[in-house]
Amino acid sequence: MKIRFNGRLEAIEWIANYAENEGQFEVLREQLNFNHIYEGFYFLKIEEEMGEVVSLDKNPRESR
């Protein structure tokens, strides 16, 4: 889904209401900035389901 905004303030307010945590907020804000720099207007491309961050650390039980 592509969401276009009339200005930065409108976009930041939308992100603040949409983001579930600080990490997600930062990722969306960076995408917004990138899109504005390279395309000339404020927009976001949102996946139907937001991705998750996964830790690839070994299971502590495996290191025994």
PDB file of N, CA and C in Angstrom:
ATOM      1  N   MET A   1       0.849  -1.156   0.000  1.00  0.00           N
ATOM      2  CA  MET A   1       0.000   0.000   0.000  1.00  0.00           C
ATOM      3  C   MET A   1       0.908   1.236   0.000  1.00  0.00           C
ATOM      4  N   LYS A   2       0.597   2.204  -0.847  1.00  0.00           N
ATOM      5  CA  LYS A   2       1.355   3.444  -0.922  1.00  0.00           C
ATOM      6  C   LYS A   2       0.514   4.565  -0.341  1.00  0.00           C
ATOM      7  N   ILE A   3       1.085   5.302   0.613  1.00  0.00           N
ATOM      8  CA  ILE A   3       0.385   6.393   1.268  1.00  0.00           C
ATOM      9  C   ILE A   3       1.134   7.682   0.971  1.00  0.00           C
ATOM     10  N   ARG A   4       0.459   8.652   0.392  1.00  0.00           N
ATOM     11  CA  ARG A   4       1.070   9.931   0.053  1.00  0.00           C
ATOM     12  C   ARG A   4       0.553  10.997   1.017  1.00  0.00           C
ATOM     13  N   PHE A   5       1.448  11.899   1.427  1.00  0.00           N
ATOM     14  CA  PHE A   5       1.113  12.941   2.399  1.00  0.00           C
ATOM     15  C   PHE A   5       1.294  14.318   1.781  1.00  0.00           C
ATOM     16  N   ASN A   6       0.558  15.295   2.307  1.00  0.00           N
ATOM     17  CA  ASN A   6       0.655  16.674   1.829  1.00  0.00           C
ATOM     18  C   ASN A   6       1.885  17.391   2.369  1.00  0.00           C
ATOM     19  N   GLY A   7       2.435  16.916   3.469  1.00  0.00           N
ATOM     20  CA  GLY A   7       3.601  17.551   4.063  1.00  0.00           C
ATOM     21  C   GLY A   7       4.240  16.660   5.105  1.00  0.00           C
ATOM     22  N   ARG A   8       5.408  17.091   5.587  1.00  0.00           N
ATOM     23  CA  ARG A   8       6.164  16.302   6.555  1.00  0.00           C
ATOM     24  C   ARG A   8       5.410  16.140   7.878  1.00  0.00           C
ATOM     25  N   LEU A   9       4.801  17.213   8.367  1.00  0.00           N
ATOM     26  CA  LEU A   9       4.089  17.139   9.646  1.00  0.00           C
ATOM     27  C   LEU A   9       2.955  16.117   9.590  1.00  0.00           C
ATOM     28  N   GLU A  10       2.188  16.142   8.522  1.00  0.00           N
ATOM     29  CA  GLU A  10       1.108  15.160   8.358  1.00  0.00           C
ATOM     30  C   GLU A  10       1.671  13.736   8.355  1.00  0.00           C
ATOM     31  N   ALA A  11       2.790  13.546   7.673  1.00  0.00           N
ATOM     32  CA  ALA A  11       3.408  12.217   7.590  1.00  0.00           C
ATOM     33  C   ALA A  11       3.920  11.754   8.954  1.00  0.00           C
ATOM     34  N   ILE A  12       4.591  12.618   9.673  1.00  0.00           N
ATOM     35  CA  ILE A  12       5.132  12.253  10.993  1.00  0.00           C
ATOM     36  C   ILE A  12       4.003  11.933  11.966  1.00  0.00           C
ATOM     37  N   GLU A  13       2.932  12.684  11.922  1.00  0.00           N
ATOM     38  CA  GLU A  13       1.780  12.391  12.784  1.00  0.00           C
ATOM     39  C   GLU A  13       1.189  11.020  12.444  1.00  0.00           C
ATOM     40  N   TRP A  14       1.092  10.706  11.148  1.00  0.00           N
ATOM     41  CA  TRP A  14       0.557   9.408  10.740  1.00  0.00           C
ATOM     42  C   TRP A  14       1.465   8.290  11.236  1.00  0.00           C
ATOM     43  N   ILE A  15       2.776   8.461  11.074  1.00  0.00           N
ATOM     44  CA  ILE A  15       3.736   7.455  11.524  1.00  0.00           C
ATOM     45  C   ILE A  15       3.622   7.249  13.032  1.00  0.00           C
ATOM     46  N   ALA A  16       3.536   8.343  13.785  1.00  0.00           N
ATOM     47  CA  ALA A  16       3.436   8.247  15.246  1.00  0.00           C
ATOM     48  C   ALA A  16       2.202   7.460  15.668  1.00  0.00           C
ATOM     49  N   ASN A  17       1.113   7.619  14.955  1.00  0.00           N
ATOM     50  CA  ASN A  17      -0.115   6.883  15.281  1.00  0.00           C
ATOM     51  C   ASN A  17      -0.054   5.432  14.811  1.00  0.00           C
ATOM     52  N   TYR A  18       0.683   5.168  13.741  1.00  0.00           N
ATOM     53  CA  TYR A  18       0.723   3.830  13.135  1.00  0.00           C
ATOM     54  C   TYR A  18       1.770   2.919  13.776  1.00  0.00           C
ATOM     55  N   ALA A  19       2.929   3.475  14.100  1.00  0.00           N
ATOM     56  CA  ALA A  19       4.058   2.672  14.592  1.00  0.00           C
ATOM     57  C   ALA A  19       3.728   2.026  15.939  1.00  0.00           C
ATOM     58  N   GLU A  20       4.133   0.764  16.047  1.00  0.00           N
ATOM     59  CA  GLU A  20       3.878   0.023  17.285  1.00  0.00           C
ATOM     60  C   GLU A  20       4.994   0.193  18.309  1.00  0.00           C
ATOM     61  N   ASN A  21       6.180   0.622  17.846  1.00  0.00           N
ATOM     62  CA  ASN A  21       7.303   0.817  18.760  1.00  0.00           C
ATOM     63  C   ASN A  21       8.278   1.820  18.156  1.00  0.00           C
ATOM     64  N   GLU A  22       9.287   2.183  18.936  1.00  0.00           N
ATOM     65  CA  GLU A  22      10.242   3.203  18.497  1.00  0.00           C
ATOM     66  C   GLU A  22      11.038   2.764  17.273  1.00  0.00           C
ATOM     67  N   GLY A  23      11.404   1.498  17.205  1.00  0.00           N
ATOM     68  CA  GLY A  23      12.148   0.984  16.064  1.00  0.00           C
ATOM     69  C   GLY A  23      11.363   1.110  14.774  1.00  0.00           C
ATOM     70  N   GLN A  24      10.100   0.748  14.816  1.00  0.00           N
ATOM     71  CA  GLN A  24       9.240   0.851  13.642  1.00  0.00           C
ATOM     72  C   GLN A  24       9.068   2.315  13.234  1.00  0.00           C
ATOM     73  N   PHE A  25       8.937   3.203  14.216  1.00  0.00           N
ATOM     74  CA  PHE A  25       8.828   4.634  13.945  1.00  0.00           C
ATOM     75  C   PHE A  25      10.059   5.117  13.184  1.00  0.00           C
ATOM     76  N   GLU A  26      11.244   4.746  13.661  1.00  0.00           N
ATOM     77  CA  GLU A  26      12.493   5.188  13.029  1.00  0.00           C
ATOM     78  C   GLU A  26      12.613   4.678  11.594  1.00  0.00           C
ATOM     79  N   VAL A  27      12.257   3.427  11.356  1.00  0.00           N
ATOM     80  CA  VAL A  27      12.338   2.851  10.014  1.00  0.00           C
ATOM     81  C   VAL A  27      11.404   3.594   9.058  1.00  0.00           C
ATOM     82  N   LEU A  28      10.188   3.849   9.485  1.00  0.00           N
ATOM     83  CA  LEU A  28       9.233   4.564   8.641  1.00  0.00           C
ATOM     84  C   LEU A  28       9.658   6.005   8.396  1.00  0.00           C
ATOM     85  N   ARG A  29      10.208   6.651   9.412  1.00  0.00           N
ATOM     86  CA  ARG A  29      10.679   8.030   9.256  1.00  0.00           C
ATOM     87  C   ARG A  29      11.826   8.102   8.251  1.00  0.00           C
ATOM     88  N   GLU A  30      12.746   7.146   8.337  1.00  0.00           N
ATOM     89  CA  GLU A  30      13.856   7.110   7.386  1.00  0.00           C
ATOM     90  C   GLU A  30      13.366   6.847   5.966  1.00  0.00           C
ATOM     91  N   GLN A  31      12.378   5.959   5.809  1.00  0.00           N
ATOM     92  CA  GLN A  31      11.810   5.710   4.485  1.00  0.00           C
ATOM     93  C   GLN A  31      11.163   6.990   3.951  1.00  0.00           C
ATOM     94  N   LEU A  32      10.448   7.708   4.808  1.00  0.00           N
ATOM     95  CA  LEU A  32       9.814   8.962   4.425  1.00  0.00           C
ATOM     96  C   LEU A  32      10.856   9.966   3.933  1.00  0.00           C
ATOM     97  N   ASN A  33      11.939  10.122   4.689  1.00  0.00           N
ATOM     98  CA  ASN A  33      13.006  11.058   4.301  1.00  0.00           C
ATOM     99  C   ASN A  33      13.638  10.657   2.975  1.00  0.00           C
ATOM    100  N   PHE A  34      13.940   9.385   2.808  1.00  0.00           N
ATOM    101  CA  PHE A  34      14.539   8.877   1.579  1.00  0.00           C
ATOM    102  C   PHE A  34      13.626   9.158   0.394  1.00  0.00           C
ATOM    103  N   ASN A  35      12.348   8.837   0.535  1.00  0.00           N
ATOM    104  CA  ASN A  35      11.399   9.056  -0.552  1.00  0.00           C
ATOM    105  C   ASN A  35      11.307  10.534  -0.929  1.00  0.00           C
ATOM    106  N   HIS A  36      11.323  11.412   0.071  1.00  0.00           N
ATOM    107  CA  HIS A  36      11.239  12.841  -0.215  1.00  0.00           C
ATOM    108  C   HIS A  36      12.495  13.333  -0.929  1.00  0.00           C
ATOM    109  N   ILE A  37      13.653  12.878  -0.509  1.00  0.00           N
ATOM    110  CA  ILE A  37      14.908  13.301  -1.139  1.00  0.00           C
ATOM    111  C   ILE A  37      14.971  12.855  -2.591  1.00  0.00           C
ATOM    112  N   TYR A  38      14.627  11.605  -2.849  1.00  0.00           N
ATOM    113  CA  TYR A  38      14.819  11.046  -4.191  1.00  0.00           C
ATOM    114  C   TYR A  38      13.603  11.150  -5.112  1.00  0.00           C
ATOM    115  N   GLU A  39      12.411  11.338  -4.557  1.00  0.00           N
ATOM    116  CA  GLU A  39      11.210  11.418  -5.398  1.00  0.00           C
ATOM    117  C   GLU A  39      10.569  12.807  -5.384  1.00  0.00           C
ATOM    118  N   GLY A  40      10.892  13.603  -4.360  1.00  0.00           N
ATOM    119  CA  GLY A  40      10.384  14.970  -4.310  1.00  0.00           C
ATOM    120  C   GLY A  40       9.048  15.151  -3.603  1.00  0.00           C
ATOM    121  N   PHE A  41       8.493  14.089  -3.061  1.00  0.00           N
ATOM    122  CA  PHE A  41       7.270  14.227  -2.275  1.00  0.00           C
ATOM    123  C   PHE A  41       7.269  13.189  -1.160  1.00  0.00           C
ATOM    124  N   TYR A  42       6.399  13.426  -0.162  1.00  0.00           N
ATOM    125  CA  TYR A  42       6.343  12.562   1.017  1.00  0.00           C
ATOM    126  C   TYR A  42       5.384  11.404   0.780  1.00  0.00           C
ATOM    127  N   PHE A  43       5.924  10.187   0.875  1.00  0.00           N
ATOM    128  CA  PHE A  43       5.080   8.999   0.778  1.00  0.00           C
ATOM    129  C   PHE A  43       5.766   7.834   1.464  1.00  0.00           C
ATOM    130  N   LEU A  44       4.977   6.812   1.776  1.00  0.00           N
ATOM    131  CA  LEU A  44       5.474   5.572   2.366  1.00  0.00           C
ATOM    132  C   LEU A  44       4.897   4.403   1.595  1.00  0.00           C
ATOM    133  N   LYS A  45       5.673   3.359   1.477  1.00  0.00           N
ATOM    134  CA  LYS A  45       5.171   2.096   0.948  1.00  0.00           C
ATOM    135  C   LYS A  45       5.108   1.138   2.125  1.00  0.00           C
ATOM    136  N   ILE A  46       3.902   0.740   2.477  1.00  0.00           N
ATOM    137  CA  ILE A  46       3.661  -0.099   3.651  1.00  0.00           C
ATOM    138  C   ILE A  46       3.247  -1.489   3.194  1.00  0.00           C
ATOM    139  N   GLU A  47       3.893  -2.495   3.735  1.00  0.00           N
ATOM    140  CA  GLU A  47       3.493  -3.881   3.470  1.00  0.00           C
ATOM    141  C   GLU A  47       2.210  -4.170   4.234  1.00  0.00           C
ATOM    142  N   GLU A  48       1.458  -5.134   3.755  1.00  0.00           N
ATOM    143  CA  GLU A  48       0.221  -5.511   4.446  1.00  0.00           C
ATOM    144  C   GLU A  48       0.503  -5.948   5.881  1.00  0.00           C
ATOM    145  N   GLU A  49       1.613  -6.645   6.060  1.00  0.00           N
ATOM    146  CA  GLU A  49       2.000  -7.095   7.392  1.00  0.00           C
ATOM    147  C   GLU A  49       3.417  -6.608   7.655  1.00  0.00           C
ATOM    148  N   MET A  50       3.595  -5.874   8.743  1.00  0.00           N
ATOM    149  CA  MET A  50       4.920  -5.344   9.065  1.00  0.00           C
ATOM    150  C   MET A  50       5.861  -6.482   9.436  1.00  0.00           C
ATOM    151  N   GLY A  51       7.100  -6.376   9.007  1.00  0.00           N
ATOM    152  CA  GLY A  51       8.100  -7.378   9.331  1.00  0.00           C
ATOM    153  C   GLY A  51       8.511  -7.316  10.786  1.00  0.00           C
ATOM    154  N   GLU A  52       9.196  -8.354  11.219  1.00  0.00           N
ATOM    155  CA  GLU A  52       9.671  -8.407  12.595  1.00  0.00           C
ATOM    156  C   GLU A  52      11.185  -8.494  12.591  1.00  0.00           C
ATOM    157  N   VAL A  53      11.786  -8.019  13.658  1.00  0.00           N
ATOM    158  CA  VAL A  53      13.226  -8.133  13.843  1.00  0.00           C
ATOM    159  C   VAL A  53      13.495  -9.437  14.568  1.00  0.00           C
ATOM    160  N   VAL A  54      14.420 -10.211  14.055  1.00  0.00           N
ATOM    161  CA  VAL A  54      14.727 -11.515  14.633  1.00  0.00           C
ATOM    162  C   VAL A  54      16.179 -11.531  15.078  1.00  0.00           C
ATOM    163  N   SER A  55      16.436 -12.023  16.259  1.00  0.00           N
ATOM    164  CA  SER A  55      17.798 -12.163  16.765  1.00  0.00           C
ATOM    165  C   SER A  55      18.371 -13.489  16.288  1.00  0.00           C
ATOM    166  N   LEU A  56      19.605 -13.461  15.796  1.00  0.00           N
ATOM    167  CA  LEU A  56      20.235 -14.677  15.311  1.00  0.00           C
ATOM    168  C   LEU A  56      21.255 -15.231  16.302  1.00  0.00           C
ATOM    169  N   ASP A  57      21.198 -14.762  17.555  1.00  0.00           N
ATOM    170  CA  ASP A  57      22.095 -15.269  18.584  1.00  0.00           C
ATOM    171  C   ASP A  57      21.802 -16.734  18.851  1.00  0.00           C
ATOM    172  N   LYS A  58      22.856 -17.458  19.239  1.00  0.00           N
ATOM    173  CA  LYS A  58      22.668 -18.862  19.591  1.00  0.00           C
ATOM    174  C   LYS A  58      21.797 -18.988  20.823  1.00  0.00           C
ATOM    175  N   ASN A  59      21.113 -20.090  20.902  1.00  0.00           N
ATOM    176  CA  ASN A  59      20.314 -20.383  22.075  1.00  0.00           C
ATOM    177  C   ASN A  59      21.282 -20.577  23.252  1.00  0.00           C
ATOM    178  N   PRO A  60      21.061 -19.892  24.388  1.00  0.00           N
ATOM    179  CA  PRO A  60      21.974 -20.017  25.532  1.00  0.00           C
ATOM    180  C   PRO A  60      22.175 -21.474  25.979  1.00  0.00           C
ATOM    181  N   ARG A  61      21.196 -22.310  25.777  1.00  0.00           N
ATOM    182  CA  ARG A  61      21.306 -23.706  26.192  1.00  0.00           C
ATOM    183  C   ARG A  61      22.316 -24.473  25.331  1.00  0.00           C
ATOM    184  N   GLU A  62      22.534 -24.029  24.077  1.00  0.00           N
ATOM    185  CA  GLU A  62      23.459 -24.702  23.184  1.00  0.00           C
ATOM    186  C   GLU A  62      24.916 -24.480  23.560  1.00  0.00           C
ATOM    187  N   SER A  63      25.233 -23.435  24.312  1.00  0.00           N
ATOM    188  CA  SER A  63      26.608 -23.116  24.637  1.00  0.00           C
ATOM    189  C   SER A  63      27.124 -23.845  25.874  1.00  0.00           C
ATOM    190  N   ARG A  64      26.364 -24.713  26.441  1.00  0.00           N
ATOM    191  CA  ARG A  64      26.799 -25.447  27.649  1.00  0.00           C
ATOM    192  C   ARG A  64      27.805 -26.496  27.349  1.00  0.00           C
TER     193      ARG A  64
END
